[in-house]
Full PDB file with SEQRES, HELIX, SHEET, SSBOND, CRYST1, ORIGX, SCALE, CONECT and MASTER records, all heavy atoms in Angstrom:
SEQRES   1 A   40  TYR PHE ALA ARG ARG GLN GLY PHE THR SER VAL PRO SER          
SEQRES   2 A   40  GLN GLY GLY SER SER LEU GLY MET ALA GLN ARG HIS ASN          
SEQRES   3 A   40  SER VAL ARG ARG TYR THR LEU CYS GLU PHE ALA GLN GLU          
SEQRES   4 A   40  GLN                                                          
HELIX    1 AA1 LEU A   33  GLU A   39  1                                   7    
SHEET    1 AA1 2 PHE A   2  GLN A   6  0                                        
SHEET    2 AA1 2 LEU A  19  HIS A  25 -1                                        
CRYST1    1.000    1.000    1.000  90.00  90.00  90.00 P 1           1          
ORIGX1      1.000000  0.000000  0.000000        0.00000                         
ORIGX2      0.000000  1.000000  0.000000        0.00000                         
ORIGX3      0.000000  0.000000  1.000000        0.00000                         
SCALE1      1.000000  0.000000  0.000000        0.00000                         
SCALE2      0.000000  1.000000  0.000000        0.00000                         
SCALE3      0.000000  0.000000  1.000000        0.00000                         
ATOM      1  N   TYR A   1       0.845  -1.194   0.000  1.00  0.00           N  
ATOM      2  CA  TYR A   1       0.000   0.000   0.000  1.00  0.00           C  
ATOM      3  C   TYR A   1       0.880   1.243   0.000  1.00  0.00           C  
ATOM      4  O   TYR A   1       1.843   1.334   0.765  1.00  0.00           O  
ATOM      5  CB  TYR A   1      -0.913   0.011   1.230  1.00  0.00           C  
ATOM      6  CG  TYR A   1      -1.915  -1.111   1.203  1.00  0.00           C  
ATOM      7  CD1 TYR A   1      -1.624  -2.337   1.791  1.00  0.00           C  
ATOM      8  CD2 TYR A   1      -3.135  -0.945   0.561  1.00  0.00           C  
ATOM      9  CE1 TYR A   1      -2.543  -3.376   1.745  1.00  0.00           C  
ATOM     10  CE2 TYR A   1      -4.053  -1.985   0.525  1.00  0.00           C  
ATOM     11  CZ  TYR A   1      -3.753  -3.193   1.115  1.00  0.00           C  
ATOM     12  OH  TYR A   1      -4.654  -4.225   1.068  1.00  0.00           O  
ATOM     13  N   PHE A   2       0.541   2.200  -0.852  1.00  0.00           N  
ATOM     14  CA  PHE A   2       1.296   3.440  -1.005  1.00  0.00           C  
ATOM     15  C   PHE A   2       0.393   4.630  -0.722  1.00  0.00           C  
ATOM     16  O   PHE A   2      -0.789   4.610  -1.070  1.00  0.00           O  
ATOM     17  CB  PHE A   2       1.826   3.567  -2.438  1.00  0.00           C  
ATOM     18  CG  PHE A   2       2.858   2.543  -2.804  1.00  0.00           C  
ATOM     19  CD1 PHE A   2       2.487   1.260  -3.169  1.00  0.00           C  
ATOM     20  CD2 PHE A   2       4.202   2.864  -2.781  1.00  0.00           C  
ATOM     21  CE1 PHE A   2       3.439   0.317  -3.507  1.00  0.00           C  
ATOM     22  CE2 PHE A   2       5.163   1.933  -3.116  1.00  0.00           C  
ATOM     23  CZ  PHE A   2       4.779   0.648  -3.475  1.00  0.00           C  
ATOM     24  N   ALA A   3       0.972   5.665  -0.136  1.00  0.00           N  
ATOM     25  CA  ALA A   3       0.221   6.915   0.050  1.00  0.00           C  
ATOM     26  C   ALA A   3       0.033   7.564  -1.316  1.00  0.00           C  
ATOM     27  O   ALA A   3       0.871   7.443  -2.207  1.00  0.00           O  
ATOM     28  CB  ALA A   3       0.988   7.846   0.987  1.00  0.00           C  
ATOM     29  N   ARG A   4      -1.066   8.273  -1.472  1.00  0.00           N  
ATOM     30  CA  ARG A   4      -1.355   8.935  -2.743  1.00  0.00           C  
ATOM     31  C   ARG A   4      -0.587  10.251  -2.819  1.00  0.00           C  
ATOM     32  O   ARG A   4      -0.476  10.978  -1.846  1.00  0.00           O  
ATOM     33  CB  ARG A   4      -2.854   9.204  -2.833  1.00  0.00           C  
ATOM     34  CG  ARG A   4      -3.323   9.502  -4.226  1.00  0.00           C  
ATOM     35  CD  ARG A   4      -4.807   9.697  -4.264  1.00  0.00           C  
ATOM     36  NE  ARG A   4      -5.602   8.561  -3.860  1.00  0.00           N  
ATOM     37  CZ  ARG A   4      -5.920   7.533  -4.646  1.00  0.00           C  
ATOM     38  NH1 ARG A   4      -5.470   7.503  -5.871  1.00  0.00           N  
ATOM     39  NH2 ARG A   4      -6.672   6.557  -4.214  1.00  0.00           N  
ATOM     40  N   ARG A   5      -0.062  10.556  -3.983  1.00  0.00           N  
ATOM     41  CA  ARG A   5       0.652  11.805  -4.244  1.00  0.00           C  
ATOM     42  C   ARG A   5       0.231  12.326  -5.610  1.00  0.00           C  
ATOM     43  O   ARG A   5      -0.403  11.625  -6.389  1.00  0.00           O  
ATOM     44  CB  ARG A   5       2.178  11.585  -4.264  1.00  0.00           C  
ATOM     45  CG  ARG A   5       2.772  11.095  -2.972  1.00  0.00           C  
ATOM     46  CD  ARG A   5       2.849  12.253  -1.966  1.00  0.00           C  
ATOM     47  NE  ARG A   5       3.443  11.820  -0.721  1.00  0.00           N  
ATOM     48  CZ  ARG A   5       2.774  11.494   0.361  1.00  0.00           C  
ATOM     49  NH1 ARG A   5       1.466  11.540   0.376  1.00  0.00           N  
ATOM     50  NH2 ARG A   5       3.387  11.120   1.459  1.00  0.00           N  
ATOM     51  N   GLN A   6       0.622  13.546  -5.907  1.00  0.00           N  
ATOM     52  CA  GLN A   6       0.393  14.074  -7.239  1.00  0.00           C  
ATOM     53  C   GLN A   6       1.297  13.302  -8.190  1.00  0.00           C  
ATOM     54  O   GLN A   6       2.461  13.034  -7.877  1.00  0.00           O  
ATOM     55  CB  GLN A   6       0.703  15.571  -7.289  1.00  0.00           C  
ATOM     56  CG  GLN A   6       0.211  16.226  -8.562  1.00  0.00           C  
ATOM     57  CD  GLN A   6       0.277  17.747  -8.493  1.00  0.00           C  
ATOM     58  OE1 GLN A   6       0.585  18.326  -7.461  1.00  0.00           O  
ATOM     59  NE2 GLN A   6      -0.017  18.395  -9.601  1.00  0.00           N  
ATOM     60  N   GLY A   7       0.768  12.919  -9.349  1.00  0.00           N  
ATOM     61  CA  GLY A   7       1.441  11.955 -10.201  1.00  0.00           C  
ATOM     62  C   GLY A   7       2.630  12.407 -11.006  1.00  0.00           C  
ATOM     63  O   GLY A   7       3.719  11.890 -10.871  1.00  0.00           O  
ATOM     64  N   PHE A   8       2.446  13.363 -11.898  1.00  0.00           N  
ATOM     65  CA  PHE A   8       3.468  13.846 -12.816  1.00  0.00           C  
ATOM     66  C   PHE A   8       3.933  12.773 -13.794  1.00  0.00           C  
ATOM     67  O   PHE A   8       4.921  12.959 -14.484  1.00  0.00           O  
ATOM     68  CB  PHE A   8       4.697  14.402 -12.071  1.00  0.00           C  
ATOM     69  CG  PHE A   8       4.376  15.510 -11.110  1.00  0.00           C  
ATOM     70  CD1 PHE A   8       4.324  15.273  -9.746  1.00  0.00           C  
ATOM     71  CD2 PHE A   8       4.109  16.792 -11.581  1.00  0.00           C  
ATOM     72  CE1 PHE A   8       4.035  16.292  -8.860  1.00  0.00           C  
ATOM     73  CE2 PHE A   8       3.801  17.817 -10.697  1.00  0.00           C  
ATOM     74  CZ  PHE A   8       3.763  17.565  -9.335  1.00  0.00           C  
ATOM     75  N   THR A   9       3.250  11.622 -13.862  1.00  0.00           N  
ATOM     76  CA  THR A   9       3.709  10.554 -14.755  1.00  0.00           C  
ATOM     77  C   THR A   9       2.633  10.059 -15.710  1.00  0.00           C  
ATOM     78  O   THR A   9       2.923   9.256 -16.579  1.00  0.00           O  
ATOM     79  CB  THR A   9       4.208   9.335 -13.948  1.00  0.00           C  
ATOM     80  OG1 THR A   9       3.177   8.911 -13.080  1.00  0.00           O  
ATOM     81  CG2 THR A   9       5.453   9.675 -13.164  1.00  0.00           C  
ATOM     82  N   SER A  10       1.406  10.505 -15.539  1.00  0.00           N  
ATOM     83  CA  SER A  10       0.339  10.069 -16.433  1.00  0.00           C  
ATOM     84  C   SER A  10      -0.378  11.297 -16.981  1.00  0.00           C  
ATOM     85  O   SER A  10      -0.222  12.396 -16.476  1.00  0.00           O  
ATOM     86  CB  SER A  10      -0.646   9.167 -15.683  1.00  0.00           C  
ATOM     87  OG  SER A  10      -1.265   9.889 -14.655  1.00  0.00           O  
ATOM     88  N   VAL A  11      -1.161  11.071 -18.030  1.00  0.00           N  
ATOM     89  CA  VAL A  11      -1.897  12.170 -18.655  1.00  0.00           C  
ATOM     90  C   VAL A  11      -3.382  11.816 -18.618  1.00  0.00           C  
ATOM     91  O   VAL A  11      -3.858  11.038 -19.442  1.00  0.00           O  
ATOM     92  CB  VAL A  11      -1.440  12.394 -20.112  1.00  0.00           C  
ATOM     93  CG1 VAL A  11      -2.199  13.560 -20.732  1.00  0.00           C  
ATOM     94  CG2 VAL A  11       0.057  12.621 -20.171  1.00  0.00           C  
ATOM     95  N   PRO A  12      -4.120  12.377 -17.634  1.00  0.00           N  
ATOM     96  CA  PRO A  12      -5.556  12.109 -17.598  1.00  0.00           C  
ATOM     97  C   PRO A  12      -6.237  12.698 -18.832  1.00  0.00           C  
ATOM     98  O   PRO A  12      -5.741  13.670 -19.414  1.00  0.00           O  
ATOM     99  CB  PRO A  12      -6.039  12.806 -16.332  1.00  0.00           C  
ATOM    100  CG  PRO A  12      -4.880  13.528 -15.753  1.00  0.00           C  
ATOM    101  CD  PRO A  12      -3.673  13.237 -16.564  1.00  0.00           C  
ATOM    102  N   SER A  13      -7.353  12.109 -19.223  1.00  0.00           N  
ATOM    103  CA  SER A  13      -8.026  12.557 -20.439  1.00  0.00           C  
ATOM    104  C   SER A  13      -8.626  13.949 -20.303  1.00  0.00           C  
ATOM    105  O   SER A  13      -8.932  14.584 -21.296  1.00  0.00           O  
ATOM    106  CB  SER A  13      -9.113  11.559 -20.833  1.00  0.00           C  
ATOM    107  OG  SER A  13     -10.030  11.404 -19.783  1.00  0.00           O  
ATOM    108  N   GLN A  14      -8.781  14.429 -19.075  1.00  0.00           N  
ATOM    109  CA  GLN A  14      -9.322  15.773 -18.869  1.00  0.00           C  
ATOM    110  C   GLN A  14      -8.745  16.376 -17.604  1.00  0.00           C  
ATOM    111  O   GLN A  14      -8.299  15.676 -16.706  1.00  0.00           O  
ATOM    112  CB  GLN A  14     -10.848  15.726 -18.761  1.00  0.00           C  
ATOM    113  CG  GLN A  14     -11.329  14.829 -17.641  1.00  0.00           C  
ATOM    114  CD  GLN A  14     -12.814  14.927 -17.434  1.00  0.00           C  
ATOM    115  OE1 GLN A  14     -13.273  15.915 -16.886  1.00  0.00           O  
ATOM    116  NE2 GLN A  14     -13.544  13.904 -17.843  1.00  0.00           N  
ATOM    117  N   GLY A  15      -8.756  17.676 -17.524  1.00  0.00           N  
ATOM    118  CA  GLY A  15      -8.432  18.383 -16.292  1.00  0.00           C  
ATOM    119  C   GLY A  15      -6.972  18.448 -15.902  1.00  0.00           C  
ATOM    120  O   GLY A  15      -6.086  18.115 -16.666  1.00  0.00           O  
ATOM    121  N   GLY A  16      -6.773  18.878 -14.658  1.00  0.00           N  
ATOM    122  CA  GLY A  16      -5.453  19.207 -14.143  1.00  0.00           C  
ATOM    123  C   GLY A  16      -4.632  18.058 -13.617  1.00  0.00           C  
ATOM    124  O   GLY A  16      -4.162  17.220 -14.374  1.00  0.00           O  
ATOM    125  N   SER A  17      -4.458  17.997 -12.311  1.00  0.00           N  
ATOM    126  CA  SER A  17      -3.467  17.109 -11.703  1.00  0.00           C  
ATOM    127  C   SER A  17      -3.762  15.627 -11.926  1.00  0.00           C  
ATOM    128  O   SER A  17      -4.899  15.193 -12.000  1.00  0.00           O  
ATOM    129  CB  SER A  17      -3.392  17.401 -10.206  1.00  0.00           C  
ATOM    130  OG  SER A  17      -4.675  17.326  -9.652  1.00  0.00           O  
ATOM    131  N   SER A  18      -2.661  14.870 -12.014  1.00  0.00           N  
ATOM    132  CA  SER A  18      -2.772  13.424 -12.143  1.00  0.00           C  
ATOM    133  C   SER A  18      -2.501  12.780 -10.788  1.00  0.00           C  
ATOM    134  O   SER A  18      -1.937  13.401  -9.895  1.00  0.00           O  
ATOM    135  CB  SER A  18      -1.772  12.911 -13.182  1.00  0.00           C  
ATOM    136  OG  SER A  18      -0.456  13.221 -12.788  1.00  0.00           O  
ATOM    137  N   LEU A  19      -2.914  11.530 -10.643  1.00  0.00           N  
ATOM    138  CA  LEU A  19      -2.716  10.813  -9.395  1.00  0.00           C  
ATOM    139  C   LEU A  19      -1.468   9.939  -9.480  1.00  0.00           C  
ATOM    140  O   LEU A  19      -1.199   9.338 -10.504  1.00  0.00           O  
ATOM    141  CB  LEU A  19      -3.923   9.925  -9.078  1.00  0.00           C  
ATOM    142  CG  LEU A  19      -5.236  10.656  -8.855  1.00  0.00           C  
ATOM    143  CD1 LEU A  19      -6.366   9.652  -8.655  1.00  0.00           C  
ATOM    144  CD2 LEU A  19      -5.143  11.590  -7.667  1.00  0.00           C  
ATOM    145  N   GLY A  20      -0.729   9.889  -8.386  1.00  0.00           N  
ATOM    146  CA  GLY A  20       0.455   9.049  -8.313  1.00  0.00           C  
ATOM    147  C   GLY A  20       0.537   8.441  -6.926  1.00  0.00           C  
ATOM    148  O   GLY A  20      -0.425   8.450  -6.167  1.00  0.00           O  
ATOM    149  N   MET A  21       1.719   7.924  -6.613  1.00  0.00           N  
ATOM    150  CA  MET A  21       1.895   7.331  -5.290  1.00  0.00           C  
ATOM    151  C   MET A  21       3.268   7.678  -4.743  1.00  0.00           C  
ATOM    152  O   MET A  21       4.158   8.080  -5.471  1.00  0.00           O  
ATOM    153  CB  MET A  21       1.710   5.820  -5.354  1.00  0.00           C  
ATOM    154  CG  MET A  21       2.657   5.103  -6.270  1.00  0.00           C  
ATOM    155  SD  MET A  21       2.145   3.395  -6.408  1.00  0.00           S  
ATOM    156  CE  MET A  21       3.580   2.700  -7.202  1.00  0.00           C  
ATOM    157  N   ALA A  22       3.404   7.533  -3.431  1.00  0.00           N  
ATOM    158  CA  ALA A  22       4.656   7.848  -2.755  1.00  0.00           C  
ATOM    159  C   ALA A  22       5.762   6.913  -3.247  1.00  0.00           C  
ATOM    160  O   ALA A  22       5.494   5.864  -3.826  1.00  0.00           O  
ATOM    161  CB  ALA A  22       4.480   7.703  -1.243  1.00  0.00           C  
ATOM    162  N   GLN A  23       7.004   7.311  -3.018  1.00  0.00           N  
ATOM    163  CA  GLN A  23       8.152   6.514  -3.446  1.00  0.00           C  
ATOM    164  C   GLN A  23       8.197   5.155  -2.742  1.00  0.00           C  
ATOM    165  O   GLN A  23       8.611   4.174  -3.327  1.00  0.00           O  
ATOM    166  CB  GLN A  23       9.458   7.266  -3.144  1.00  0.00           C  
ATOM    167  CG  GLN A  23       9.669   8.491  -3.998  1.00  0.00           C  
ATOM    168  CD  GLN A  23      10.179   8.140  -5.383  1.00  0.00           C  
ATOM    169  OE1 GLN A  23      10.754   7.085  -5.592  1.00  0.00           O  
ATOM    170  NE2 GLN A  23       9.945   9.018  -6.320  1.00  0.00           N  
ATOM    171  N   ARG A  24       7.815   5.122  -1.473  1.00  0.00           N  
ATOM    172  CA  ARG A  24       7.913   3.881  -0.695  1.00  0.00           C  
ATOM    173  C   ARG A  24       6.540   3.506  -0.133  1.00  0.00           C  
ATOM    174  O   ARG A  24       5.750   4.374   0.189  1.00  0.00           O  
ATOM    175  CB  ARG A  24       8.909   4.051   0.454  1.00  0.00           C  
ATOM    176  CG  ARG A  24      10.329   4.360  -0.046  1.00  0.00           C  
ATOM    177  CD  ARG A  24      11.357   4.337   1.052  1.00  0.00           C  
ATOM    178  NE  ARG A  24      11.376   3.120   1.831  1.00  0.00           N  
ATOM    179  CZ  ARG A  24      11.984   1.981   1.485  1.00  0.00           C  
ATOM    180  NH1 ARG A  24      12.602   1.908   0.321  1.00  0.00           N  
ATOM    181  NH2 ARG A  24      11.963   0.930   2.272  1.00  0.00           N  
ATOM    182  N   HIS A  25       6.308   2.225  -0.009  1.00  0.00           N  
ATOM    183  CA  HIS A  25       5.031   1.763   0.539  1.00  0.00           C  
ATOM    184  C   HIS A  25       4.974   2.058   2.040  1.00  0.00           C  
ATOM    185  O   HIS A  25       6.004   2.135   2.703  1.00  0.00           O  
ATOM    186  CB  HIS A  25       4.828   0.266   0.276  1.00  0.00           C  
ATOM    187  CG  HIS A  25       5.833  -0.622   0.891  1.00  0.00           C  
ATOM    188  ND1 HIS A  25       7.038  -0.890   0.306  1.00  0.00           N  
ATOM    189  CD2 HIS A  25       5.827  -1.308   2.055  1.00  0.00           C  
ATOM    190  CE1 HIS A  25       7.728  -1.707   1.062  1.00  0.00           C  
ATOM    191  NE2 HIS A  25       7.018  -1.982   2.143  1.00  0.00           N  
ATOM    192  N   ASN A  26       3.754   2.242   2.540  1.00  0.00           N  
ATOM    193  CA  ASN A  26       3.607   2.519   3.966  1.00  0.00           C  
ATOM    194  C   ASN A  26       3.057   1.328   4.741  1.00  0.00           C  
ATOM    195  O   ASN A  26       3.042   1.328   5.969  1.00  0.00           O  
ATOM    196  CB  ASN A  26       2.742   3.763   4.210  1.00  0.00           C  
ATOM    197  CG  ASN A  26       1.399   3.674   3.527  1.00  0.00           C  
ATOM    198  OD1 ASN A  26       0.973   2.611   3.088  1.00  0.00           O  
ATOM    199  ND2 ASN A  26       0.724   4.798   3.422  1.00  0.00           N  
ATOM    200  N   SER A  27       2.606   0.298   4.036  1.00  0.00           N  
ATOM    201  CA  SER A  27       2.195  -0.930   4.709  1.00  0.00           C  
ATOM    202  C   SER A  27       2.160  -2.079   3.715  1.00  0.00           C  
ATOM    203  O   SER A  27       2.134  -1.877   2.503  1.00  0.00           O  
ATOM    204  CB  SER A  27       0.829  -0.761   5.388  1.00  0.00           C  
ATOM    205  OG  SER A  27      -0.171  -0.548   4.433  1.00  0.00           O  
ATOM    206  N   VAL A  28       2.174  -3.285   4.267  1.00  0.00           N  
ATOM    207  CA  VAL A  28       2.152  -4.502   3.467  1.00  0.00           C  
ATOM    208  C   VAL A  28       1.135  -5.436   4.096  1.00  0.00           C  
ATOM    209  O   VAL A  28       1.031  -5.515   5.321  1.00  0.00           O  
ATOM    210  CB  VAL A  28       3.534  -5.206   3.473  1.00  0.00           C  
ATOM    211  CG1 VAL A  28       3.492  -6.504   2.685  1.00  0.00           C  
ATOM    212  CG2 VAL A  28       4.609  -4.304   2.932  1.00  0.00           C  
ATOM    213  N   ARG A  29       0.411  -6.138   3.252  1.00  0.00           N  
ATOM    214  CA  ARG A  29      -0.534  -7.125   3.787  1.00  0.00           C  
ATOM    215  C   ARG A  29      -0.453  -8.376   2.931  1.00  0.00           C  
ATOM    216  O   ARG A  29      -0.385  -8.291   1.709  1.00  0.00           O  
ATOM    217  CB  ARG A  29      -1.946  -6.548   3.768  1.00  0.00           C  
ATOM    218  CG  ARG A  29      -2.935  -7.491   4.385  1.00  0.00           C  
ATOM    219  CD  ARG A  29      -4.048  -6.781   5.094  1.00  0.00           C  
ATOM    220  NE  ARG A  29      -4.926  -7.781   5.664  1.00  0.00           N  
ATOM    221  CZ  ARG A  29      -6.236  -7.701   5.637  1.00  0.00           C  
ATOM    222  NH1 ARG A  29      -6.810  -6.655   5.121  1.00  0.00           N  
ATOM    223  NH2 ARG A  29      -6.966  -8.659   6.156  1.00  0.00           N  
ATOM    224  N   ARG A  30      -0.458  -9.505   3.577  1.00  0.00           N  
ATOM    225  CA  ARG A  30      -0.407 -10.786   2.878  1.00  0.00           C  
ATOM    226  C   ARG A  30      -1.751 -11.491   3.029  1.00  0.00           C  
ATOM    227  O   ARG A  30      -2.331 -11.518   4.115  1.00  0.00           O  
ATOM    228  CB  ARG A  30       0.726 -11.650   3.428  1.00  0.00           C  
ATOM    229  CG  ARG A  30       2.063 -11.123   3.004  1.00  0.00           C  
ATOM    230  CD  ARG A  30       3.214 -11.996   3.459  1.00  0.00           C  
ATOM    231  NE  ARG A  30       4.475 -11.492   2.953  1.00  0.00           N  
ATOM    232  CZ  ARG A  30       5.105 -10.430   3.415  1.00  0.00           C  
ATOM    233  NH1 ARG A  30       4.586  -9.748   4.406  1.00  0.00           N  
ATOM    234  NH2 ARG A  30       6.244 -10.026   2.892  1.00  0.00           N  
ATOM    235  N   TYR A  31      -2.215 -12.059   1.926  1.00  0.00           N  
ATOM    236  CA  TYR A  31      -3.490 -12.762   1.899  1.00  0.00           C  
ATOM    237  C   TYR A  31      -3.286 -14.167   1.328  1.00  0.00           C  
ATOM    238  O   TYR A  31      -2.390 -14.374   0.509  1.00  0.00           O  
ATOM    239  CB  TYR A  31      -4.486 -12.071   0.948  1.00  0.00           C  
ATOM    240  CG  TYR A  31      -4.834 -10.655   1.267  1.00  0.00           C  
ATOM    241  CD1 TYR A  31      -4.125  -9.591   0.712  1.00  0.00           C  
ATOM    242  CD2 TYR A  31      -5.918 -10.362   2.079  1.00  0.00           C  
ATOM    243  CE1 TYR A  31      -4.473  -8.282   0.982  1.00  0.00           C  
ATOM    244  CE2 TYR A  31      -6.269  -9.047   2.345  1.00  0.00           C  
ATOM    245  CZ  TYR A  31      -5.545  -8.015   1.790  1.00  0.00           C  
ATOM    246  OH  TYR A  31      -5.898  -6.720   2.055  1.00  0.00           O  
ATOM    247  N   THR A  32      -4.157 -15.084   1.694  1.00  0.00           N  
ATOM    248  CA  THR A  32      -4.245 -16.326   0.934  1.00  0.00           C  
ATOM    249  C   THR A  32      -5.023 -15.969  -0.328  1.00  0.00           C  
ATOM    250  O   THR A  32      -5.665 -14.904  -0.398  1.00  0.00           O  
ATOM    251  CB  THR A  32      -5.004 -17.421   1.717  1.00  0.00           C  
ATOM    252  OG1 THR A  32      -6.360 -17.002   1.886  1.00  0.00           O  
ATOM    253  CG2 THR A  32      -4.347 -17.706   3.058  1.00  0.00           C  
ATOM    254  N   LEU A  33      -5.011 -16.836  -1.310  1.00  0.00           N  
ATOM    255  CA  LEU A  33      -5.747 -16.544  -2.545  1.00  0.00           C  
ATOM    256  C   LEU A  33      -7.231 -16.360  -2.265  1.00  0.00           C  
ATOM    257  O   LEU A  33      -7.868 -15.459  -2.812  1.00  0.00           O  
ATOM    258  CB  LEU A  33      -5.530 -17.663  -3.572  1.00  0.00           C  
ATOM    259  CG  LEU A  33      -4.132 -17.738  -4.172  1.00  0.00           C  
ATOM    260  CD1 LEU A  33      -4.017 -18.946  -5.091  1.00  0.00           C  
ATOM    261  CD2 LEU A  33      -3.800 -16.474  -4.932  1.00  0.00           C  
ATOM    262  N   CYS A  34      -7.771 -17.163  -1.375  1.00  0.00           N  
ATOM    263  CA  CYS A  34      -9.195 -17.073  -1.031  1.00  0.00           C  
ATOM    264  C   CYS A  34      -9.500 -15.747  -0.325  1.00  0.00           C  
ATOM    265  O   CYS A  34     -10.475 -15.074  -0.650  1.00  0.00           O  
ATOM    266  CB  CYS A  34      -9.595 -18.261  -0.164  1.00  0.00           C  
ATOM    267  SG  CYS A  34     -11.355 -18.333   0.171  1.00  0.00           S  
ATOM    268  N   GLU A  35      -8.660 -15.389   0.643  1.00  0.00           N  
ATOM    269  CA  GLU A  35      -8.854 -14.122   1.362  1.00  0.00           C  
ATOM    270  C   GLU A  35      -8.773 -12.937   0.401  1.00  0.00           C  
ATOM    271  O   GLU A  35      -9.563 -11.992   0.499  1.00  0.00           O  
ATOM    272  CB  GLU A  35      -7.794 -13.950   2.448  1.00  0.00           C  
ATOM    273  CG  GLU A  35      -7.930 -14.871   3.625  1.00  0.00           C  
ATOM    274  CD  GLU A  35      -6.712 -14.807   4.549  1.00  0.00           C  
ATOM    275  OE1 GLU A  35      -5.628 -14.355   4.121  1.00  0.00           O  
ATOM    276  OE2 GLU A  35      -6.856 -15.225   5.701  1.00  0.00           O  
ATOM    277  N   PHE A  36      -7.820 -12.991  -0.524  1.00  0.00           N  
ATOM    278  CA  PHE A  36      -7.653 -11.894  -1.471  1.00  0.00           C  
ATOM    279  C   PHE A  36      -8.883 -11.765  -2.374  1.00  0.00           C  
ATOM    280  O   PHE A  36      -9.363 -10.664  -2.631  1.00  0.00           O  
ATOM    281  CB  PHE A  36      -6.385 -12.084  -2.299  1.00  0.00           C  
ATOM    282  CG  PHE A  36      -6.110 -10.945  -3.227  1.00  0.00           C  
ATOM    283  CD1 PHE A  36      -5.695  -9.713  -2.735  1.00  0.00           C  
ATOM    284  CD2 PHE A  36      -6.279 -11.082  -4.594  1.00  0.00           C  
ATOM    285  CE1 PHE A  36      -5.453  -8.650  -3.581  1.00  0.00           C  
ATOM    286  CE2 PHE A  36      -6.037 -10.020  -5.444  1.00  0.00           C  
ATOM    287  CZ  PHE A  36      -5.622  -8.806  -4.941  1.00  0.00           C  
ATOM    288  N   ALA A  37      -9.394 -12.885  -2.844  1.00  0.00           N  
ATOM    289  CA  ALA A  37     -10.593 -12.859  -3.692  1.00  0.00           C  
ATOM    290  C   ALA A  37     -11.772 -12.249  -2.929  1.00  0.00           C  
ATOM    291  O   ALA A  37     -12.524 -11.441  -3.474  1.00  0.00           O  
ATOM    292  CB  ALA A  37     -10.931 -14.267  -4.168  1.00  0.00           C  
ATOM    293  N   GLN A  38     -11.911 -12.612  -1.653  1.00  0.00           N  
ATOM    294  CA  GLN A  38     -12.989 -12.047  -0.838  1.00  0.00           C  
ATOM    295  C   GLN A  38     -12.794 -10.551  -0.627  1.00  0.00           C  
ATOM    296  O   GLN A  38     -13.753  -9.773  -0.699  1.00  0.00           O  
ATOM    297  CB  GLN A  38     -13.059 -12.760   0.516  1.00  0.00           C  
ATOM    298  CG  GLN A  38     -13.559 -14.183   0.412  1.00  0.00           C  
ATOM    299  CD  GLN A  38     -13.430 -14.946   1.718  1.00  0.00           C  
ATOM    300  OE1 GLN A  38     -12.722 -14.542   2.624  1.00  0.00           O  
ATOM    301  NE2 GLN A  38     -14.124 -16.077   1.800  1.00  0.00           N  
ATOM    302  N   GLU A  39     -11.550 -10.131  -0.374  1.00  0.00           N  
ATOM    303  CA  GLU A  39     -11.244  -8.709  -0.184  1.00  0.00           C  
ATOM    304  C   GLU A  39     -11.561  -7.914  -1.448  1.00  0.00           C  
ATOM    305  O   GLU A  39     -12.139  -6.827  -1.390  1.00  0.00           O  
ATOM    306  CB  GLU A  39      -9.767  -8.560   0.202  1.00  0.00           C  
ATOM    307  CG  GLU A  39      -9.340  -7.157   0.500  1.00  0.00           C  
ATOM    308  CD  GLU A  39      -9.788  -6.669   1.865  1.00  0.00           C  
ATOM    309  OE1 GLU A  39     -10.212  -7.475   2.701  1.00  0.00           O  
ATOM    310  OE2 GLU A  39      -9.705  -5.447   2.083  1.00  0.00           O  
ATOM    311  N   GLN A  40     -11.192  -8.467  -2.602  1.00  0.00           N  
ATOM    312  CA  GLN A  40     -11.484  -7.812  -3.877  1.00  0.00           C  
ATOM    313  C   GLN A  40     -12.986  -7.687  -4.086  1.00  0.00           C  
ATOM    314  O   GLN A  40     -13.472  -6.662  -4.550  1.00  0.00           O  
ATOM    315  CB  GLN A  40     -10.858  -8.589  -5.048  1.00  0.00           C  
ATOM    316  CG  GLN A  40      -9.359  -8.465  -5.130  1.00  0.00           C  
ATOM    317  CD  GLN A  40      -8.934  -7.056  -5.469  1.00  0.00           C  
ATOM    318  OE1 GLN A  40      -8.740  -6.220  -4.590  1.00  0.00           O  
ATOM    319  NE2 GLN A  40      -8.793  -6.783  -6.731  1.00  0.00           N  
TER     320      GLN A  40                                                      
MASTER        0    0    0    1    2    0    0    6  319    1    0    4          
END                                                                             
């Protein structure tokens, strides 16, 4: 999981700022395949 930042790397189809993410992740979570499917 990464904190959201201003992107500067993509071009949205409309409007101003783009979305990006921080350089480093702020948390990690491990799931089994079943848990991940349920989370999704």
